[in-house]
Every structure is written in C-alpha cells, then in structure tokens.
C-alpha cells in the first residue's frame, strides 16, 4: 500500500508530520478475514514539527496506553495491541521549546515495536548542528513507561564529538526520573556542549574527557554518585550534583585525586607579559560567569603548576553572581605549609577586580624560588604573608593599581652571589678590591625580615634587615611592579659572629637596581674610593666655609 502526500496531526497542533510517501505492508490472512493488520510502515521524506510548549493530544493505541490506569483491564488490553516496524527515510524534525527551536536533518531510522506491552527498539542516524549522530534506545516495558511507571531502559548516542550511554530504570511524567548507570566521553567537552547550545566558561580545554557514574535524575536535580572523571590528563573521583533553584543552575561537587596538573586549568588565562617584555596591554575580557552558582571542593594528594609542587592540598572554588572565589585553605609545600586565597569579580569597562592573599610557613626558600622563578638567590626557612588588591582592564592596569602589604621572615638561610663577611674584612685594607669580593661567594644569614607597603604598583620597603656571621645588612628603597624594576640601597656593617653590629664598625654601601631581568649590584664608588688612601685624593674636596660665604 502506498499513499502520497500524507499528513498526521494531533488535535492541539503540537505534533504535525508531513510525508511525501507512506508505504504500508499489510498482513494477508487478517485482510482476508476483514481485519486490517499492518506489519510495517515506511515514511519517505517526512517533515515533523513538535511543539513541547503544547500538550500532544493524539488518538491511537499509544495514547490509550498512556491514559490507562496501571494494572487495570484497560491497561492489559492496550498492552496487547499490535503495532509493527516504522522506518523513516530522509526525514527532518523541528522541536520548539521555550521559544527556542532545535532541528535534526537527514534522519534515517527504524522503530521496532511489535506490541504496546513488548520491548521497543529505536535505531537511527541524523545530522545535528553539523555533526552526524547515531542513536539507539531500548525500552523493556513501553506500556508501563507511557503510563508513568518505571521501566528498564538503555540508550546510546554516538558521534565524532561525543559518546553518551545510559542503562537503568526510567519513568515519564508526572514523576519523570531516571536511576542507573551513565557514561560518556568527548574529545572536547566545549565542542560537545555546543551540540546542545550550551556555552560554559570552562577552566581549561577539557579535552580527552571520560566519565562514568551512578545517576539519579529528575526534573529539578541531577545527582552523580561514584563519579569517575578523566579530563586533560587528570583523574578525579567523587560526587557531583546539579540543581535547578528557581530557574538558576546550582552545581556542587566533591572530588579527590592522587595527582592534579593545574596548568591546563590556566590554558585560557591572558598572557602576563607582552612581546616587549613588559606587562601585557591586551584587554582581559573576563568571561560572563553569571549563568550558574558553583561550589567545588577538591582534595589532591599531589598537585603541580609548572614546576611548583604542593602536597596534601585542599582546593575550593565558589562562583556566586558572576564572582569567582578560589582558595587553598591548606597544603604542604617545600617542607613547609602554604595557604592562599583569591577572588575575582567584574569591574567597570570590561575590567576585573582582584583580591589575593597568601601565607607560607617554614618553606624552603631556595627550592621554592627555583621552581617559581628559576632563581636561587635566597635560601633558608621562609615565613611570609601577602595581601594584594588591584583592578583594571589589562594586566598592565592591574599592576599600576596594585596596593597591599607583604611581610617576610627568613631564618637559617643564605644569600647567593654576595659575600658580605669577606668583603667587610678586606674593606679596611683593600677597599677597592673588596668591591669585587662582594660580587662572589655567598653570605650565611641567621635571620632576616622585611615589610613592604604597596601603593599604585610600587612596593616601598618599610623595614628590611638581615644578620649573619660578620655582617648586619639594612635595605631601603622600593620595588616598582608596574615597571618591573628595583631601586634598593643596601648598607652592610661589620658585626660579630651572631650578626650584632660592632661599635664604630666599618660600613659598605651599594645599590641593587635595574629591571627584574637584568639587576645590577653596584657598590657606592665614592665610599670605596674614600676608604682607599691612594685613590682618595682623586675625589674633589668638599666645599669649606669660606667658599660657602663667597658664594
């Protein structure tokens, strides 16, 4: 049997199907007895429109099965109703919901459903947002499923971008829910989410993703237990819940990992330094984070960012009304302890407002500085605090607007590249030679401390001193973060073995100045020449009283 120009529609116009042709296969024996029994139906180039904002009101066996009361005579009768196999060739589907429209093209598929109460199998392929997807869905008791009772279901969606599968128990309205296993993978989570018109500002590329979990899903909540996730080379275990709270998504997760590489999470962070070696002037353009609320808690036995390593770390992330809060409430690092906190929120003109604090306790300064900056200028046990605030539309703006406070305390340490004790010993007898001595060797430091106050990108030294065998060191000056430069003046005085300055002891003065990438340690030339008896006459005489009166 073949029909041309076939149209199906429900009473409310929620479902409309128009097909160029309908091919039906009728069973011969029932036809001879006067009964129409269709074995299969094929629709050629059907065009279907489904409006989910309306109620589908269509007559037929499936509708009667859905309306029948569970365990009733009517339910038993409708479950025995015979159907067949429906095939679709070159079909298209338009789905409208909440004003948005979704389209599937080039549909090829089949629905094998012989009886209302027997298992139903749907297989097919279709184009969705430029990708060819393959779908398989199996329902053990479709009659029960239509009436809102639980039924075992299996579903699978395969494509080049993603793979999803589920196996469990599901039921439809009015208590629509699912409980069972879910799993999936995606070459890129961002690309996979775009298939569903979801644009999420993920922290990192989220590539090579895989997950599996026991899921409990309903209209208001999706809870994933026994969750296993692999993404960007990191493996996580834990739980994740997504709730709909007054139309706003709320995501909470508790995860743990043996090792976490943090670098991928900063893959989209703006470059700090531009091609000219100065702070970047590129616009920050922070993403819109106002679409959801997030609470994430992660425990990592080991974590790494570049060469920096931390152990036994607890990391937390909170997102509220577009403001991001990151914290490291506890971690072991470089034989000491580390804490950190940072908050980011949008500022005017596309800028960003940042507040950050860090605290270290008894950290191995040499190892930390090497891993963080590739330098080993200072060693010892470092305890520090840092509080910074900044706002701006570029990294350069942030550094110019930097304000805050830092305190540093070092004990049982060493300063590499300078030997204050030897230089002071030789300063009296060979002052000019001691200028070279100070640029070599190292100085043992019993204790050192410094306090910096930051204002408009400049950190001014308030108190800075270091003490070691044979010397006492004091520093003044500032560190210009906006210009990436230092301008410090240091004075080293003779001291005893405990670092206590000697009465009328010798003093050497020198400058530490220049850009961060090219610092220069330069002794005060006049002080060294004056100390040299042979070279002192080369200096001009200071003006005397007579010359002052003459002027």
Protein backbone atom coordinates (compact mmCIF):
# COMPACT_ATOMS: atom_id res chain seq x y z
CA UNK A 1 0.00 0.00 0.00
CA UNK A 2 1.39 3.42 -0.99
CA UNK A 3 -0.06 6.83 -0.14
CA UNK A 4 1.14 10.18 -1.47
CA UNK A 5 1.17 13.49 0.41
CA UNK A 6 0.36 12.11 3.86
CA UNK A 7 -0.26 14.45 6.83
CA UNK A 8 -0.61 13.48 10.51
CA UNK A 9 -1.54 15.99 13.21
CA UNK A 10 -2.81 15.89 16.76
CA UNK A 11 -5.84 17.84 17.94
CA UNK A 12 -3.76 20.66 19.50
CA UNK A 13 -1.37 21.12 16.61
CA UNK A 14 1.54 20.23 18.89
CA UNK A 15 2.69 17.44 16.55
CA UNK A 16 2.47 17.69 12.77
CA UNK A 17 4.04 15.18 10.36
CA UNK A 18 4.03 15.68 6.59
CA UNK A 19 5.47 12.91 4.38
CA UNK A 20 5.87 12.69 0.62
CA UNK A 21 5.01 9.00 0.69
CA UNK A 22 3.79 6.32 3.08
CA UNK A 23 4.45 2.67 2.25
CA UNK A 24 2.47 0.17 4.32
CA UNK A 25 2.84 -3.61 4.42
CA UNK A 26 -0.41 -5.41 5.31
CA UNK A 27 -0.67 -8.96 6.60
CA UNK A 28 -2.60 -11.10 4.14
CA UNK A 29 -4.53 -13.51 6.40
CA UNK A 30 -6.06 -10.82 8.65
CA UNK A 31 -7.03 -8.91 5.50
CA UNK A 32 -8.92 -11.97 4.17
CA UNK A 33 -10.92 -12.08 7.38
CA UNK A 34 -11.80 -8.38 7.10
CA UNK A 35 -9.26 -7.12 9.63
CA UNK A 36 -6.57 -4.53 8.81
CA UNK A 37 -3.27 -5.61 10.37
CA UNK A 38 -0.22 -3.54 9.38
CA UNK A 39 3.15 -5.30 9.61
CA UNK A 40 5.24 -2.23 8.86
CA UNK A 41 5.12 1.39 7.73
CA UNK A 42 7.77 3.42 5.91
CA UNK A 43 7.71 7.21 5.68
CA UNK A 44 9.65 8.82 2.84
CA UNK A 45 10.93 12.37 3.41
CA UNK A 46 8.77 13.06 6.45
CA UNK A 47 8.90 16.57 7.93
CA UNK A 48 7.87 16.65 11.59
CA UNK A 49 7.20 19.64 13.85
CA UNK A 50 6.88 19.13 17.61
CA UNK A 51 5.93 21.97 19.97
CA UNK A 52 6.76 20.89 23.52
CA UNK A 53 5.10 24.01 24.90
CA UNK A 54 1.77 22.45 23.91
CA UNK A 55 0.14 19.21 25.02
CA UNK A 56 0.22 16.44 22.43
CA UNK A 57 -3.35 15.11 22.08
CA UNK A 58 -3.28 12.33 19.51
CA UNK A 59 -5.67 9.37 19.26
CA UNK A 60 -4.33 5.85 18.87
CA UNK A 61 -3.13 2.80 20.76
CA UNK A 62 -0.12 4.54 22.28
CA UNK A 63 -2.30 7.39 23.58
CA UNK A 64 -4.82 4.93 25.02
CA UNK A 65 -1.99 3.00 26.69
CA UNK A 66 -0.68 6.20 28.23
CA UNK A 67 -4.15 7.12 29.53
CA UNK A 68 -4.91 3.69 31.01
CA UNK A 69 -4.61 3.24 34.76
CA UNK A 70 -1.77 0.95 35.89
CA UNK A 71 -2.71 -2.72 36.46
CA UNK A 72 -6.21 -2.12 35.03
CA UNK A 73 -8.15 -4.18 32.47
CA UNK A 74 -7.79 -1.31 30.01
CA UNK A 75 -4.00 -1.37 30.51
CA UNK A 76 -3.87 -5.12 29.84
CA UNK A 77 -5.99 -4.65 26.72
CA UNK A 78 -3.90 -1.83 25.28
CA UNK A 79 -0.65 -3.70 26.06
CA UNK A 80 -1.79 -6.46 23.73
CA UNK A 81 -2.44 -4.13 20.82
CA UNK A 82 -0.30 -5.00 17.79
CA UNK A 83 1.94 -2.44 16.15
CA UNK A 84 4.89 -3.18 13.83
CA UNK A 85 8.00 -1.57 12.40
CA UNK A 86 8.19 2.10 11.41
CA UNK A 87 11.05 3.17 9.17
CA UNK A 88 12.00 6.70 8.18
CA UNK A 89 13.95 7.74 5.09
CA UNK A 90 15.46 11.22 4.70
CA UNK A 91 13.41 12.74 7.48
CA UNK A 92 13.60 16.03 9.35
CA UNK A 93 12.44 17.12 12.80
CA UNK A 94 11.87 20.57 14.26
CA UNK A 95 11.37 20.80 18.03
CA UNK A 96 10.25 24.01 19.72
CA UNK A 97 10.54 24.58 23.47
CA UNK A 98 10.54 27.79 25.46
CA UNK A 99 10.83 29.89 22.30
CA UNK A 100 13.95 28.03 21.12
CA UNK A 101 13.97 25.74 18.11
CA UNK A 102 16.09 22.63 17.58
CA UNK A 103 16.50 20.79 14.28
CA UNK A 104 17.57 17.31 13.21
CA UNK A 105 18.16 16.67 9.49
CA UNK A 106 18.75 13.69 7.19
CA UNK A 107 17.11 11.25 9.59
CA UNK A 108 17.39 7.55 8.76
CA UNK A 109 15.89 5.25 11.37
CA UNK A 110 13.57 2.49 12.48
CA UNK A 111 11.23 1.91 15.43
CA UNK A 112 10.68 -1.81 16.03
CA UNK A 113 7.65 -2.00 18.36
CA UNK A 114 5.53 -5.10 17.74
CA UNK A 115 3.14 -4.73 20.68
CA UNK A 116 2.38 -1.94 23.14
CA UNK A 117 3.45 -4.11 26.07
CA UNK A 118 6.54 -5.62 24.42
CA UNK A 119 10.05 -4.13 24.19
CA UNK A 120 10.58 -1.27 21.75
CA UNK A 121 13.84 -0.59 19.91
CA UNK A 122 14.66 2.73 18.22
CA UNK A 123 17.74 2.99 15.99
CA UNK A 124 18.75 5.78 13.69
CA UNK A 125 21.24 8.34 12.45
CA UNK A 126 20.73 12.06 11.94
CA UNK A 127 22.54 15.37 11.47
CA UNK A 128 22.54 17.68 14.49
CA UNK A 129 24.33 21.04 14.41
CA UNK A 130 26.67 19.89 11.67
CA UNK A 131 27.53 16.50 13.18
CA UNK A 132 26.30 13.04 12.23
CA UNK A 133 24.98 11.25 15.32
CA UNK A 134 23.87 7.67 15.84
CA UNK A 135 21.08 6.89 18.32
CA UNK A 136 19.96 3.66 19.96
CA UNK A 137 17.20 3.44 22.58
CA UNK A 138 15.57 0.32 24.05
CA UNK A 139 12.59 0.26 26.44
CA UNK A 140 11.73 -3.02 28.14
CA UNK A 141 8.08 -2.15 29.04
CA UNK A 142 6.93 0.74 26.88
CA UNK A 143 3.31 0.36 28.04
CA UNK A 144 4.34 0.92 31.65
CA UNK A 145 6.66 3.70 30.54
CA UNK A 146 3.86 5.58 28.76
CA UNK A 147 1.67 5.36 31.87
CA UNK A 148 4.39 6.91 34.05
CA UNK A 149 5.51 3.65 35.68
CA UNK A 150 9.17 2.54 35.87
CA UNK A 151 10.71 0.56 33.03
CA UNK A 152 14.23 -0.65 32.27
CA UNK A 153 15.77 1.48 29.52
CA UNK A 154 19.03 1.55 27.58
CA UNK A 155 20.19 4.46 25.43
CA UNK A 156 23.31 5.33 23.48
CA UNK A 157 24.33 8.38 21.46
CA UNK A 158 27.49 8.23 19.32
CA UNK A 159 29.20 10.89 17.27
CA UNK A 160 32.63 12.18 16.35
CA UNK A 161 32.50 14.77 19.14
CA UNK A 162 30.91 12.77 21.95
CA UNK A 163 29.60 9.43 23.15
CA UNK A 164 26.89 9.03 25.80
CA UNK A 165 25.25 5.89 27.18
CA UNK A 166 22.78 5.08 29.94
CA UNK A 167 21.35 1.87 31.38
CA UNK A 168 18.88 1.93 34.23
CA UNK A 169 15.26 2.45 35.21
CA UNK A 170 13.24 5.42 33.96
CA UNK A 171 9.72 6.74 34.06
CA UNK A 172 7.85 9.59 32.40
CA UNK A 173 5.60 12.33 33.71
CA UNK A 174 4.19 13.16 36.17
CA UNK A 175 7.20 11.73 38.09
CA UNK A 176 9.78 11.80 35.34
CA UNK A 177 13.07 10.40 36.62
CA UNK A 178 15.95 8.06 35.89
CA UNK A 179 18.19 5.96 38.10
CA UNK A 180 21.08 3.91 36.76
CA UNK A 181 24.49 3.98 35.17
CA UNK A 182 25.63 6.76 32.85
CA UNK A 183 28.92 7.09 30.98
CA UNK A 184 30.39 9.16 28.21
CA UNK A 185 33.43 10.59 26.51
CA UNK A 186 34.29 13.64 24.43
CA UNK A 187 37.37 14.74 22.52
CA UNK A 188 36.48 18.27 23.64
CA UNK A 189 33.85 19.00 26.28
CA UNK A 190 33.40 22.50 24.88
CA UNK A 191 32.61 21.20 21.41
CA UNK A 192 30.30 18.54 22.85
CA UNK A 193 28.36 21.12 24.87
CA UNK A 194 27.96 23.31 21.79
CA UNK A 195 25.98 20.47 20.21
CA UNK A 196 23.34 21.25 22.85
CA UNK A 197 23.72 25.03 22.53
CA UNK A 198 25.49 25.23 25.91
CA UNK A 199 28.37 27.68 26.24
CA UNK A 200 30.15 27.22 29.57
CA UNK A 201 33.35 29.15 30.50
CA UNK A 202 35.30 26.03 31.46
CA UNK A 203 38.67 26.40 33.26
CA UNK A 204 40.84 24.81 30.61
CA UNK A 205 40.48 22.97 27.31
CA UNK A 206 38.66 19.99 28.91
CA UNK A 207 39.98 17.64 26.23
CA UNK A 208 40.17 13.85 26.23
CA UNK A 209 37.26 13.68 28.68
CA UNK A 210 35.71 10.46 30.01
CA UNK A 211 33.22 9.90 32.83
CA UNK A 212 31.07 7.23 34.45
CA UNK A 213 28.72 7.39 37.42
CA UNK A 214 25.58 6.12 39.10
CA UNK A 215 22.98 8.76 38.30
CA UNK A 216 19.70 9.83 39.85
CA UNK A 217 17.95 12.33 37.57
CA UNK A 218 14.64 14.16 37.88
CA UNK A 219 13.14 17.43 36.69
CA UNK A 220 14.89 19.51 39.38
CA UNK A 221 18.12 17.66 40.16
CA UNK A 222 20.84 15.50 38.63
CA UNK A 223 22.97 13.65 41.19
CA UNK A 224 26.03 11.66 40.15
CA UNK A 225 27.45 9.26 42.74
CA UNK A 226 30.54 7.07 42.45
CA UNK A 227 31.72 9.51 39.80
CA UNK A 228 34.92 8.80 37.88
CA UNK A 229 36.24 11.56 35.60
CA UNK A 230 39.30 11.78 33.33
CA UNK A 231 39.90 15.18 31.71
CA UNK A 232 43.03 17.00 30.50
CA UNK A 233 45.09 14.05 31.75
CA UNK A 234 43.75 14.40 35.32
CA UNK A 235 41.69 11.70 37.07
CA UNK A 236 39.05 12.53 39.69
CA UNK A 237 36.66 10.51 41.86
CA UNK A 238 33.73 11.81 43.87
CA UNK A 239 30.22 13.19 43.61
CA UNK A 240 28.51 15.94 41.61
CA UNK A 241 25.03 17.44 41.87
CA UNK A 242 23.26 19.91 39.59
CA UNK A 243 20.09 21.53 40.94
CA UNK A 244 17.58 23.88 39.40
CA UNK A 245 16.93 26.56 42.01
CA UNK A 246 14.26 28.97 40.79
CA UNK A 247 15.45 28.58 37.22
CA UNK A 248 19.14 29.04 38.11
CA UNK A 249 21.59 26.11 37.88
CA UNK A 250 23.49 25.29 41.05
CA UNK A 251 26.46 22.93 40.71
CA UNK A 252 28.19 21.34 43.69
CA UNK A 253 30.99 18.77 43.55
CA UNK A 254 33.26 16.98 45.98
CA UNK A 255 36.23 15.37 44.25
CA UNK A 256 39.56 13.80 45.09
CA UNK A 257 42.63 12.96 43.05
CA UNK A 258 46.03 11.40 43.55
CA UNK A 259 47.71 13.91 41.22
CA UNK A 260 46.44 17.08 39.55
CA UNK A 261 48.25 19.04 36.84
CA UNK A 262 46.91 22.59 37.27
CA UNK A 263 48.48 24.03 34.11
CA UNK A 264 45.60 23.04 31.76
CA UNK A 265 43.19 24.95 34.00
CA UNK A 266 45.09 28.16 33.18
CA UNK A 267 45.36 27.49 29.44
CA UNK A 268 42.95 30.33 28.61
CA UNK A 269 44.40 32.79 31.11
CA UNK A 270 45.68 36.01 29.48
CA UNK A 271 49.41 36.38 28.91
CA UNK A 272 51.06 38.28 31.76
CA UNK A 273 53.90 39.72 29.68
CA UNK A 274 53.74 41.16 26.17
CA UNK A 275 56.23 40.74 23.31
CA UNK A 276 58.16 43.79 24.58
CA UNK A 277 58.91 42.09 27.90
CA UNK A 278 56.59 44.43 29.80
CA UNK A 279 53.22 43.73 31.36
CA UNK A 280 50.59 42.90 28.75
CA UNK A 281 48.28 45.65 27.48
CA UNK A 282 45.85 43.18 25.89
CA UNK A 283 42.25 43.52 27.17
CA UNK A 284 41.41 40.93 29.82
CA UNK A 285 37.83 40.37 28.56
CA UNK A 286 36.74 38.19 31.51
CA UNK A 287 34.01 35.65 30.61
CA UNK A 288 30.46 36.02 31.85
CA UNK A 289 30.26 33.76 34.92
CA UNK A 290 26.78 34.84 35.98
CA UNK A 291 24.89 31.90 34.46
CA UNK A 292 25.26 29.48 37.39
CA UNK A 293 26.31 29.09 41.01
CA UNK A 294 29.15 26.63 41.69
CA UNK A 295 30.66 25.03 44.79
CA UNK A 296 33.69 22.78 44.15
CA UNK A 297 35.85 21.05 46.74
CA UNK A 298 38.92 19.10 45.62
CA UNK A 299 41.40 17.12 47.71
CA UNK A 300 44.65 16.32 45.88
CA UNK A 301 47.47 14.20 47.27
CA UNK A 302 49.82 15.99 44.86
CA UNK A 303 49.34 19.00 42.56
CA UNK A 304 51.63 20.77 40.13
CA UNK A 305 51.59 24.13 38.37
CA UNK A 306 54.59 24.38 36.05
CA UNK A 307 57.47 23.31 38.32
CA UNK A 308 55.67 24.29 41.53
CA UNK A 309 54.60 21.28 43.59
CA UNK A 310 52.22 21.06 46.55
CA UNK A 311 51.11 18.03 48.55
CA UNK A 312 48.07 17.10 50.64
CA UNK A 313 46.23 20.05 49.14
CA UNK A 314 42.62 21.09 49.57
CA UNK A 315 41.33 23.42 46.85
CA UNK A 316 37.93 25.11 46.82
CA UNK A 317 36.14 27.17 44.16
CA UNK A 318 32.94 29.13 44.65
CA UNK A 319 31.01 31.04 42.00
CA UNK A 320 28.22 33.41 43.04
CA UNK A 321 26.55 36.06 40.90
CA UNK A 322 29.50 36.14 38.50
CA UNK A 323 32.15 36.49 41.23
CA UNK A 324 34.76 33.71 41.46
CA UNK A 325 36.39 32.79 44.76
CA UNK A 326 39.40 30.40 44.82
CA UNK A 327 41.07 29.17 47.98
CA UNK A 328 43.81 26.83 49.10
CA UNK A 329 42.99 26.52 52.81
CA UNK A 330 45.76 24.02 53.42
CA UNK A 331 48.69 22.38 51.64
CA UNK A 332 52.18 21.06 52.29
CA UNK A 333 54.85 22.67 50.13
CA UNK A 334 58.66 22.71 50.14
CA UNK A 335 58.99 21.29 53.66
CA UNK A 336 56.54 23.87 54.98
CA UNK A 337 52.90 24.91 54.76
CA UNK A 338 51.09 27.07 52.23
CA UNK A 339 47.72 28.84 52.22
CA UNK A 340 46.23 31.05 49.51
CA UNK A 341 43.02 32.79 48.57
CA UNK A 342 41.94 34.86 45.56
CA UNK A 343 38.69 36.44 44.46
CA UNK A 344 37.78 37.83 41.04
CA UNK A 345 34.75 39.89 40.12
CA UNK A 346 33.83 42.04 37.13
CA UNK A 347 34.76 45.72 37.26
CA UNK A 348 33.68 48.57 35.03
CA UNK A 349 34.60 48.81 31.33
CA UNK A 350 35.24 45.09 30.98
CA UNK A 351 37.85 45.06 33.70
CA UNK A 352 38.48 42.85 36.67
CA UNK A 353 38.78 43.45 40.42
CA UNK A 354 41.18 41.09 42.21
CA UNK A 355 41.86 40.43 45.88
CA UNK A 356 44.56 37.89 46.83
CA UNK A 357 46.25 36.66 49.99
CA UNK A 358 48.98 34.07 50.53
CA UNK A 359 50.75 32.72 53.58
CA UNK A 360 53.81 30.48 53.81
CA UNK A 361 55.21 28.89 56.96
CA UNK A 362 58.77 27.50 57.13
CA UNK A 363 59.01 26.99 53.37
CA UNK A 364 62.36 26.04 51.79
CA UNK A 365 63.03 29.37 50.07
CA UNK A 366 65.75 28.12 47.70
CA UNK A 367 63.68 25.26 46.28
CA UNK A 368 60.55 27.41 46.10
CA UNK A 369 62.27 30.29 44.27
CA UNK A 370 63.89 27.91 41.80
CA UNK A 371 60.61 26.23 40.90
CA UNK A 372 58.67 29.50 40.80
CA UNK A 373 61.16 31.82 39.06
CA UNK A 374 64.17 29.73 38.06
CA UNK A 375 66.42 31.59 40.53
CA UNK A 376 68.20 30.51 43.73
CA UNK A 377 69.20 33.91 45.13
CA UNK A 378 68.00 33.20 48.67
CA UNK A 379 67.89 30.05 50.78
CA UNK A 380 66.53 29.25 54.22
CA UNK A 381 63.26 28.77 56.04
CA UNK A 382 60.77 31.37 54.77
CA UNK A 383 57.63 32.54 56.54
CA UNK A 384 55.62 35.20 54.73
CA UNK A 385 52.25 36.91 54.31
CA UNK A 386 50.96 38.80 51.29
CA UNK A 387 47.76 40.77 50.74
CA UNK A 388 47.10 42.46 47.39
CA UNK A 389 44.24 44.34 45.75
CA UNK A 390 44.07 45.52 42.16
CA UNK A 391 41.61 46.42 39.42
CA UNK A 392 41.92 47.15 35.74
CA UNK A 393 41.09 46.14 32.18
CA UNK A 394 44.61 44.82 31.36
CA UNK A 395 47.45 43.15 33.24
CA UNK A 396 49.37 46.42 32.98
CA UNK A 397 46.44 48.26 34.57
CA UNK A 398 46.29 45.73 37.40
CA UNK A 399 49.97 46.24 38.24
CA UNK A 400 49.62 50.04 38.15
CA UNK A 401 46.69 49.90 40.57
CA UNK A 402 48.30 47.36 42.89
CA UNK A 403 48.02 48.00 46.62
CA UNK A 404 48.61 45.88 49.70
CA UNK A 405 51.20 44.66 52.17
CA UNK A 406 53.84 41.92 52.38
CA UNK A 407 55.92 40.64 55.29
CA UNK A 408 58.89 38.26 55.00
CA UNK A 409 60.90 36.44 57.65
CA UNK A 410 63.88 34.19 56.89
CA UNK A 411 66.00 32.09 59.23
CA UNK A 412 68.96 29.72 58.88
CA UNK A 413 69.46 30.85 55.31
CA UNK A 414 71.89 32.08 52.73
CA UNK A 415 72.18 34.88 50.18
CA UNK A 416 73.84 33.65 46.99
CA UNK A 417 76.19 35.75 44.86
CA UNK A 418 77.41 38.11 47.61
CA UNK A 419 79.91 37.61 50.46
CA UNK A 420 79.39 40.43 52.94
CA UNK A 421 81.63 38.99 55.68
CA UNK A 422 84.71 38.63 53.43
CA UNK A 423 84.14 41.98 51.73
CA UNK A 424 83.95 43.78 55.09
CA UNK A 425 87.14 42.09 56.32
CA UNK A 426 89.04 43.30 53.27
CA UNK A 427 87.31 46.67 53.11
CA UNK A 428 89.72 48.31 55.59
CA UNK A 429 92.94 47.15 53.92
CA UNK A 430 91.92 46.81 50.29
CA UNK A 431 88.67 48.73 49.83
CA UNK A 432 88.73 48.78 46.04
CA UNK A 433 89.37 45.02 45.83
CA UNK A 434 86.54 44.37 48.26
CA UNK A 435 84.15 45.85 45.71
CA UNK A 436 84.88 42.80 43.59
CA UNK A 437 84.76 40.40 46.56
CA UNK A 438 81.19 41.32 47.33
CA UNK A 439 80.03 40.03 43.93
CA UNK A 440 81.12 36.45 44.57
CA UNK A 441 80.57 33.67 47.05
CA UNK A 442 77.61 33.63 49.44
CA UNK A 443 76.56 35.00 52.82
CA UNK A 444 75.16 32.91 55.65
CA UNK A 445 72.03 34.52 57.13
CA UNK A 446 70.93 33.73 60.67
CA UNK A 447 67.78 35.81 60.39
CA UNK A 448 66.24 38.36 58.04
CA UNK A 449 62.97 40.25 57.79
CA UNK A 450 61.25 42.78 55.54
CA UNK A 451 57.97 44.66 55.28
CA UNK A 452 56.67 46.19 52.05
CA UNK A 453 53.70 48.50 51.53
CA UNK A 454 52.25 48.56 48.01
CA UNK A 455 50.59 51.66 46.58
CA UNK A 456 49.86 52.35 42.90
CA UNK A 457 52.05 49.48 41.80
CA UNK A 458 55.09 50.41 43.90
CA UNK A 459 56.21 48.39 46.91
CA UNK A 460 58.13 50.57 49.37
CA UNK A 461 60.42 48.88 51.90
CA UNK A 462 59.37 49.92 55.40
CA UNK A 463 61.71 47.66 57.34
CA UNK A 464 64.31 45.35 55.86
CA UNK A 465 67.33 43.83 57.60
CA UNK A 466 69.47 40.68 57.57
CA UNK A 467 72.00 39.41 60.10
CA UNK A 468 74.72 36.83 59.75
CA UNK A 469 78.24 35.97 60.93
CA UNK A 470 80.37 39.07 60.48
CA UNK A 471 77.75 41.42 58.99
CA UNK A 472 74.47 43.27 59.57
CA UNK A 473 72.58 44.38 56.46
CA UNK A 474 69.88 47.05 56.11
CA UNK A 475 67.95 47.94 52.96
CA UNK A 476 65.86 50.90 51.81
CA UNK A 477 64.14 51.70 48.54
CA UNK A 478 61.27 50.30 46.53
CA UNK A 479 60.17 47.69 44.02
CA UNK A 480 58.21 49.10 41.10
CA UNK A 481 55.89 46.30 39.99
CA UNK A 482 54.29 48.40 37.28
CA UNK A 483 57.68 48.95 35.61
CA UNK A 484 59.17 45.59 36.65
CA UNK A 485 62.19 47.22 38.30
CA UNK A 486 64.05 47.55 41.62
CA UNK A 487 65.77 50.54 43.19
CA UNK A 488 67.30 49.45 46.51
CA UNK A 489 70.18 50.80 48.57
CA UNK A 490 71.89 48.41 50.98
CA UNK A 491 74.30 49.13 53.80
CA UNK A 492 76.43 46.28 55.22
CA UNK A 493 78.09 46.87 58.61
CA UNK A 494 80.71 44.87 60.46
CA UNK A 495 79.20 42.55 63.08
CA UNK A 496 80.23 39.81 65.46
CA UNK A 497 79.65 36.11 64.87
CA UNK A 498 75.98 36.44 65.87
CA UNK A 499 75.34 39.33 63.48
CA UNK A 500 75.36 42.07 66.15
CA UNK A 501 76.78 45.31 64.68
CA UNK A 502 80.13 46.41 66.14
CA UNK A 503 80.59 49.84 67.67
CA UNK A 504 82.24 52.09 65.06
CA UNK A 505 82.42 49.13 62.70
CA UNK A 506 83.10 49.51 59.00
CA UNK A 507 80.18 50.07 56.64
CA UNK A 508 79.80 49.34 52.94
CA UNK A 509 77.05 50.91 50.83
CA UNK A 510 75.91 49.61 47.47
CA UNK A 511 72.92 49.73 45.11
CA UNK A 512 70.76 46.91 43.79
CA UNK A 513 68.90 48.36 40.82
CA UNK A 514 67.61 47.72 37.33
CA UNK A 515 64.91 45.69 35.66
CA UNK A 516 63.87 42.36 37.13
CA UNK A 517 65.50 40.58 34.22
CA UNK A 518 68.82 42.47 34.47
CA UNK A 519 69.58 43.51 38.05
CA UNK A 520 72.91 45.16 38.83
CA UNK A 521 74.76 45.09 42.17
CA UNK A 522 76.87 48.26 42.22
CA UNK A 523 78.96 49.44 45.21
CA UNK A 524 78.80 53.16 46.07
CA UNK A 525 82.01 54.28 44.25
CA UNK A 526 82.72 57.34 46.40
CA UNK A 527 82.52 55.37 49.64
CA UNK A 528 85.03 52.81 48.34
CA UNK A 529 87.40 55.43 46.92
CA UNK A 530 87.38 57.45 50.15
CA UNK A 531 88.33 54.30 52.04
CA UNK A 532 91.30 53.84 49.71
CA UNK A 533 94.19 56.04 50.85
CA UNK A 534 95.80 56.04 47.43
CA UNK A 535 92.66 56.89 45.49
CA UNK A 536 91.06 59.31 47.97
CA UNK A 537 92.88 62.41 46.57
CA UNK A 538 91.10 61.79 43.26
CA UNK A 539 87.82 62.88 44.84
CA UNK A 540 87.04 66.62 44.88
CA UNK A 541 87.33 68.35 48.23
CA UNK A 542 84.02 69.18 49.86
CA UNK A 543 83.27 72.93 49.85
CA UNK A 544 84.51 74.70 53.00
CA UNK A 545 83.01 77.57 54.97
CA UNK A 546 84.96 80.23 53.09
CA UNK A 547 83.76 79.06 49.71
CA UNK A 548 80.24 78.90 51.04
CA UNK A 549 80.42 82.58 52.15
CA UNK A 550 81.96 83.59 48.89
CA UNK A 551 79.00 82.11 47.03
